[in-house]
Amino acid sequence: QSRKRKAVADALKRENQAKEAAIKKQKMADQASKEKKAVDARKREGKAKEAAFKKQKADKDSQIKKATEALKRDNEARKAADRKQNKEIAELKRKIRDTQRQ
């Protein structure tokens, strides 16, 4: 009977050890899962920040490009006005010379 009790006690001990091992294994899995979620969240946050930075840079580049194009158009318009004015001045000078010759 002593052997029987010892066998039952050993069986219970093994069962408890197995349960403790299972609990420990589950805790480790939960911890690993929690850590993975935290890493994933940091990655998502980093990607979101990077995307926002890229968008901001693209917006800034777009604004610079628009401003540059506007300056080019203004310069072209100014050059065209100068050419027109120079033509008018040349025409007036020619008319003055023509009237002086007469």
C-alpha atoms as a PDB file:
ATOM      1  CA  GLN A   1       0.000   0.000   0.000  1.00  0.00           C
ATOM      2  CA  SER A   2       2.909   2.286   0.685  1.00  0.00           C
ATOM      3  CA  ARG A   3       4.139   1.665  -2.855  1.00  0.00           C
ATOM      4  CA  LYS A   4       0.677   2.424  -4.163  1.00  0.00           C
ATOM      5  CA  ARG A   5       0.561   5.729  -2.249  1.00  0.00           C
ATOM      6  CA  LYS A   6       4.063   6.579  -3.437  1.00  0.00           C
ATOM      7  CA  ALA A   7       3.079   5.777  -7.025  1.00  0.00           C
ATOM      8  CA  VAL A   8      -0.024   7.990  -6.721  1.00  0.00           C
ATOM      9  CA  ALA A   9       2.049  10.763  -5.131  1.00  0.00           C
ATOM     10  CA  ASP A  10       4.659  10.492  -7.918  1.00  0.00           C
ATOM     11  CA  ALA A  11       1.908  10.561 -10.535  1.00  0.00           C
ATOM     12  CA  LEU A  12       0.365  13.671  -8.939  1.00  0.00           C
ATOM     13  CA  LYS A  13       3.814  15.255  -8.692  1.00  0.00           C
ATOM     14  CA  ARG A  14       4.481  14.589 -12.398  1.00  0.00           C
ATOM     15  CA  GLU A  15       1.028  15.933 -13.287  1.00  0.00           C
ATOM     16  CA  ASN A  16       1.651  19.110 -11.266  1.00  0.00           C
ATOM     17  CA  GLN A  17       5.074  19.530 -12.862  1.00  0.00           C
ATOM     18  CA  ALA A  18       3.527  19.106 -16.296  1.00  0.00           C
ATOM     19  CA  LYS A  19       0.858  21.708 -15.466  1.00  0.00           C
ATOM     20  CA  GLU A  20       3.499  24.114 -14.119  1.00  0.00           C
ATOM     21  CA  ALA A  21       5.591  23.587 -17.245  1.00  0.00           C
ATOM     22  CA  ALA A  22       2.540  24.237 -19.434  1.00  0.00           C
ATOM     23  CA  ILE A  23       1.707  27.393 -17.469  1.00  0.00           C
ATOM     24  CA  LYS A  24       5.332  28.575 -17.713  1.00  0.00           C
ATOM     25  CA  LYS A  25       5.368  27.830 -21.445  1.00  0.00           C
ATOM     26  CA  GLN A  26       2.105  29.778 -21.925  1.00  0.00           C
ATOM     27  CA  LYS A  27       3.477  32.733 -19.952  1.00  0.00           C
ATOM     28  CA  MET A  28       6.600  32.765 -22.104  1.00  0.00           C
ATOM     29  CA  ALA A  29       4.465  32.617 -25.260  1.00  0.00           C
ATOM     30  CA  ASP A  30       2.280  35.468 -23.978  1.00  0.00           C
ATOM     31  CA  GLN A  31       5.371  37.550 -23.178  1.00  0.00           C
ATOM     32  CA  ALA A  32       6.859  36.859 -26.618  1.00  0.00           C
ATOM     33  CA  SER A  33       3.548  37.813 -28.234  1.00  0.00           C
ATOM     34  CA  LYS A  34       3.385  41.032 -26.219  1.00  0.00           C
ATOM     35  CA  GLU A  35       6.961  41.911 -27.195  1.00  0.00           C
ATOM     36  CA  LYS A  36       6.243  41.163 -30.861  1.00  0.00           C
ATOM     37  CA  LYS A  37       3.169  43.409 -30.758  1.00  0.00           C
ATOM     38  CA  ALA A  38       5.258  46.210 -29.238  1.00  0.00           C
ATOM     39  CA  VAL A  39       7.921  45.808 -31.943  1.00  0.00           C
ATOM     40  CA  ASP A  40       5.255  45.785 -34.659  1.00  0.00           C
ATOM     41  CA  ALA A  41       3.679  48.919 -33.179  1.00  0.00           C
ATOM     42  CA  ARG A  42       7.069  50.679 -33.186  1.00  0.00           C
ATOM     43  CA  LYS A  43       7.604  49.607 -36.815  1.00  0.00           C
ATOM     44  CA  ARG A  44       4.171  50.938 -37.811  1.00  0.00           C
ATOM     45  CA  GLU A  45       4.872  54.185 -35.981  1.00  0.00           C
ATOM     46  CA  GLY A  46       8.239  54.494 -37.719  1.00  0.00           C
ATOM     47  CA  LYS A  47       6.683  53.811 -41.122  1.00  0.00           C
ATOM     48  CA  ALA A  48       3.940  56.367 -40.457  1.00  0.00           C
ATOM     49  CA  LYS A  49       6.528  58.980 -39.461  1.00  0.00           C
ATOM     50  CA  GLU A  50       8.588  58.176 -42.548  1.00  0.00           C
ATOM     51  CA  ALA A  51       5.522  58.442 -44.796  1.00  0.00           C
ATOM     52  CA  ALA A  52       4.589  61.781 -43.219  1.00  0.00           C
ATOM     53  CA  PHE A  53       8.152  63.036 -43.711  1.00  0.00           C
ATOM     54  CA  LYS A  54       8.169  61.921 -47.358  1.00  0.00           C
ATOM     55  CA  LYS A  55       4.797  63.597 -47.948  1.00  0.00           C
ATOM     56  CA  GLN A  56       6.011  66.800 -46.300  1.00  0.00           C
ATOM     57  CA  LYS A  57       9.174  66.735 -48.428  1.00  0.00           C
ATOM     58  CA  ALA A  58       7.156  66.075 -51.592  1.00  0.00           C
ATOM     59  CA  ASP A  59       4.832  68.983 -50.721  1.00  0.00           C
ATOM     60  CA  LYS A  60       7.825  71.237 -50.126  1.00  0.00           C
ATOM     61  CA  ASP A  61       9.455  70.109 -53.396  1.00  0.00           C
ATOM     62  CA  SER A  62       6.165  70.740 -55.194  1.00  0.00           C
ATOM     63  CA  GLN A  63       5.920  74.243 -53.732  1.00  0.00           C
ATOM     64  CA  ILE A  64       9.516  74.982 -54.748  1.00  0.00           C
ATOM     65  CA  LYS A  65       8.842  73.688 -58.259  1.00  0.00           C
ATOM     66  CA  LYS A  66       5.684  75.822 -58.563  1.00  0.00           C
ATOM     67  CA  ALA A  67       7.513  78.911 -57.298  1.00  0.00           C
ATOM     68  CA  THR A  68      10.399  78.292 -59.712  1.00  0.00           C
ATOM     69  CA  GLU A  69       7.989  77.901 -62.626  1.00  0.00           C
ATOM     70  CA  ALA A  70       6.188  81.103 -61.617  1.00  0.00           C
ATOM     71  CA  LEU A  71       9.533  82.961 -61.529  1.00  0.00           C
ATOM     72  CA  LYS A  72      10.419  81.591 -64.962  1.00  0.00           C
ATOM     73  CA  ARG A  73       7.057  82.754 -66.343  1.00  0.00           C
ATOM     74  CA  ASP A  74       7.543  86.195 -64.761  1.00  0.00           C
ATOM     75  CA  ASN A  75      11.046  86.445 -66.225  1.00  0.00           C
ATOM     76  CA  GLU A  76       9.787  85.441 -69.671  1.00  0.00           C
ATOM     77  CA  ALA A  77       6.963  87.994 -69.436  1.00  0.00           C
ATOM     78  CA  ARG A  78       9.442  90.676 -68.328  1.00  0.00           C
ATOM     79  CA  LYS A  79      11.801  89.815 -71.195  1.00  0.00           C
ATOM     80  CA  ALA A  80       8.910  89.952 -73.666  1.00  0.00           C
ATOM     81  CA  ALA A  81       7.849  93.351 -72.292  1.00  0.00           C
ATOM     82  CA  ASP A  82      11.447  94.593 -72.529  1.00  0.00           C
ATOM     83  CA  ARG A  83      11.700  93.396 -76.142  1.00  0.00           C
ATOM     84  CA  LYS A  84       8.431  95.133 -76.979  1.00  0.00           C
ATOM     85  CA  GLN A  85       9.581  98.315 -75.275  1.00  0.00           C
ATOM     86  CA  ASN A  86      12.962  98.158 -77.057  1.00  0.00           C
ATOM     87  CA  LYS A  87      11.141  97.740 -80.388  1.00  0.00           C
ATOM     88  CA  GLU A  88       8.983 100.763 -79.606  1.00  0.00           C
ATOM     89  CA  ILE A  89      12.056 102.803 -78.631  1.00  0.00           C
ATOM     90  CA  ALA A  90      13.845 101.769 -81.825  1.00  0.00           C
ATOM     91  CA  GLU A  91      10.769 102.689 -83.841  1.00  0.00           C
ATOM     92  CA  LEU A  92      10.588 106.115 -82.163  1.00  0.00           C
ATOM     93  CA  LYS A  93      14.319 106.718 -82.762  1.00  0.00           C
ATOM     94  CA  ARG A  94      13.849 105.780 -86.415  1.00  0.00           C
ATOM     95  CA  LYS A  95      10.932 108.176 -86.715  1.00  0.00           C
ATOM     96  CA  ILE A  96      12.968 110.952 -85.066  1.00  0.00           C
ATOM     97  CA  ARG A  97      15.853 110.361 -87.498  1.00  0.00           C
ATOM     98  CA  ASP A  98      13.437 110.322 -90.416  1.00  0.00           C
ATOM     99  CA  THR A  99      11.871 113.646 -89.345  1.00  0.00           C
ATOM    100  CA  GLN A 100      15.329 115.191 -88.762  1.00  0.00           C
ATOM    101  CA  ARG A 101      16.450 114.237 -92.296  1.00  0.00           C
ATOM    102  CA  GLN A 102      13.524 116.015 -93.841  1.00  0.00           C
END
